Amino acid sequence: MNEFLNNMNGVAWSFIPILLILFLMAGIMFVFYFKKKAEELTIYIKSIAASLERLSNQGNDN
């Protein structure tokens, strides 16, 4: 039983670096995804601001 536990312990420690790499890759992908979504949101907000400015200028012209 003790030998089995030692063997399982060795197997578990061999998976730790793989899990760390996977978590690192997931974190990097999340950062790039978040950057892209933030950029899209910024473009959307700028277009709304430009539309409001055009509407405001039309209102001032009348």
C-alpha atoms as a PDB file:
ATOM      1  CA  MET A   1       0.000   0.000   0.000  1.00  0.00           C
ATOM      2  CA  ASN A   2       2.819   2.376   0.901  1.00  0.00           C
ATOM      3  CA  GLU A   3       4.550   1.635  -2.399  1.00  0.00           C
ATOM      4  CA  PHE A   4       1.306   2.346  -4.259  1.00  0.00           C
ATOM      5  CA  LEU A   5       0.945   5.731  -2.525  1.00  0.00           C
ATOM      6  CA  ASN A   6       4.551   6.636  -3.316  1.00  0.00           C
ATOM      7  CA  ASN A   7       3.964   5.701  -6.943  1.00  0.00           C
ATOM      8  CA  MET A   8       0.790   7.814  -7.096  1.00  0.00           C
ATOM      9  CA  ASN A   9       2.661  10.700  -5.493  1.00  0.00           C
ATOM     10  CA  GLY A  10       5.260  10.526  -8.259  1.00  0.00           C
ATOM     11  CA  VAL A  11       2.543  10.495 -10.911  1.00  0.00           C
ATOM     12  CA  ALA A  12       0.834  13.516  -9.336  1.00  0.00           C
ATOM     13  CA  TRP A  13       4.085  15.497  -9.289  1.00  0.00           C
ATOM     14  CA  SER A  14       4.641  14.720 -12.960  1.00  0.00           C
ATOM     15  CA  PHE A  15       1.290  16.340 -13.809  1.00  0.00           C
ATOM     16  CA  ILE A  16       1.961  19.573 -11.885  1.00  0.00           C
ATOM     17  CA  PRO A  17       4.192  21.212 -14.559  1.00  0.00           C
ATOM     18  CA  ILE A  18       1.658  20.330 -17.274  1.00  0.00           C
ATOM     19  CA  LEU A  19      -1.141  21.917 -15.245  1.00  0.00           C
ATOM     20  CA  LEU A  20       0.968  25.020 -14.601  1.00  0.00           C
ATOM     21  CA  ILE A  21       1.671  25.401 -18.325  1.00  0.00           C
ATOM     22  CA  LEU A  22      -2.025  24.987 -19.137  1.00  0.00           C
ATOM     23  CA  PHE A  23      -3.030  27.605 -16.558  1.00  0.00           C
ATOM     24  CA  LEU A  24      -0.375  29.982 -17.897  1.00  0.00           C
ATOM     25  CA  MET A  25      -1.614  29.526 -21.461  1.00  0.00           C
ATOM     26  CA  ALA A  26      -5.221  30.051 -20.348  1.00  0.00           C
ATOM     27  CA  GLY A  27      -4.209  33.244 -18.540  1.00  0.00           C
ATOM     28  CA  ILE A  28      -2.386  34.585 -21.590  1.00  0.00           C
ATOM     29  CA  MET A  29      -5.359  33.770 -23.823  1.00  0.00           C
ATOM     30  CA  PHE A  30      -7.713  35.502 -21.368  1.00  0.00           C
ATOM     31  CA  VAL A  31      -5.546  38.641 -21.385  1.00  0.00           C
ATOM     32  CA  PHE A  32      -5.555  38.808 -25.195  1.00  0.00           C
ATOM     33  CA  TYR A  33      -9.319  38.134 -25.294  1.00  0.00           C
ATOM     34  CA  PHE A  34      -9.932  40.865 -22.711  1.00  0.00           C
ATOM     35  CA  LYS A  35      -7.739  43.318 -24.639  1.00  0.00           C
ATOM     36  CA  LYS A  36      -9.665  42.610 -27.846  1.00  0.00           C
ATOM     37  CA  LYS A  37     -13.042  43.017 -26.139  1.00  0.00           C
ATOM     38  CA  ALA A  38     -11.924  46.244 -24.461  1.00  0.00           C
ATOM     39  CA  GLU A  39     -10.770  47.571 -27.851  1.00  0.00           C
ATOM     40  CA  GLU A  40     -14.132  46.679 -29.435  1.00  0.00           C
ATOM     41  CA  LEU A  41     -15.966  48.386 -26.572  1.00  0.00           C
ATOM     42  CA  THR A  42     -13.817  51.508 -26.970  1.00  0.00           C
ATOM     43  CA  ILE A  43     -14.589  51.672 -30.703  1.00  0.00           C
ATOM     44  CA  TYR A  44     -18.299  51.232 -29.950  1.00  0.00           C
ATOM     45  CA  ILE A  45     -18.299  53.997 -27.337  1.00  0.00           C
ATOM     46  CA  LYS A  46     -16.379  56.338 -29.671  1.00  0.00           C
ATOM     47  CA  SER A  47     -18.926  55.739 -32.437  1.00  0.00           C
ATOM     48  CA  ILE A  48     -21.769  56.523 -30.022  1.00  0.00           C
ATOM     49  CA  ALA A  49     -19.978  59.722 -28.951  1.00  0.00           C
ATOM     50  CA  ALA A  50     -19.476  60.736 -32.599  1.00  0.00           C
ATOM     51  CA  SER A  51     -23.151  60.086 -33.358  1.00  0.00           C
ATOM     52  CA  LEU A  52     -24.246  62.143 -30.354  1.00  0.00           C
ATOM     53  CA  GLU A  53     -21.951  64.953 -31.432  1.00  0.00           C
ATOM     54  CA  ARG A  54     -23.425  64.934 -34.949  1.00  0.00           C
ATOM     55  CA  LEU A  55     -26.950  64.979 -33.505  1.00  0.00           C
ATOM     56  CA  SER A  56     -25.979  67.836 -31.209  1.00  0.00           C
ATOM     57  CA  ASN A  57     -24.538  69.817 -34.123  1.00  0.00           C
ATOM     58  CA  GLN A  58     -27.704  69.229 -36.168  1.00  0.00           C
ATOM     59  CA  GLY A  59     -29.782  70.490 -33.267  1.00  0.00           C
ATOM     60  CA  ASN A  60     -27.641  73.610 -32.957  1.00  0.00           C
ATOM     61  CA  ASP A  61     -27.936  74.336 -36.673  1.00  0.00           C
ATOM     62  CA  ASN A  62     -31.740  74.521 -36.509  1.00  0.00           C
END
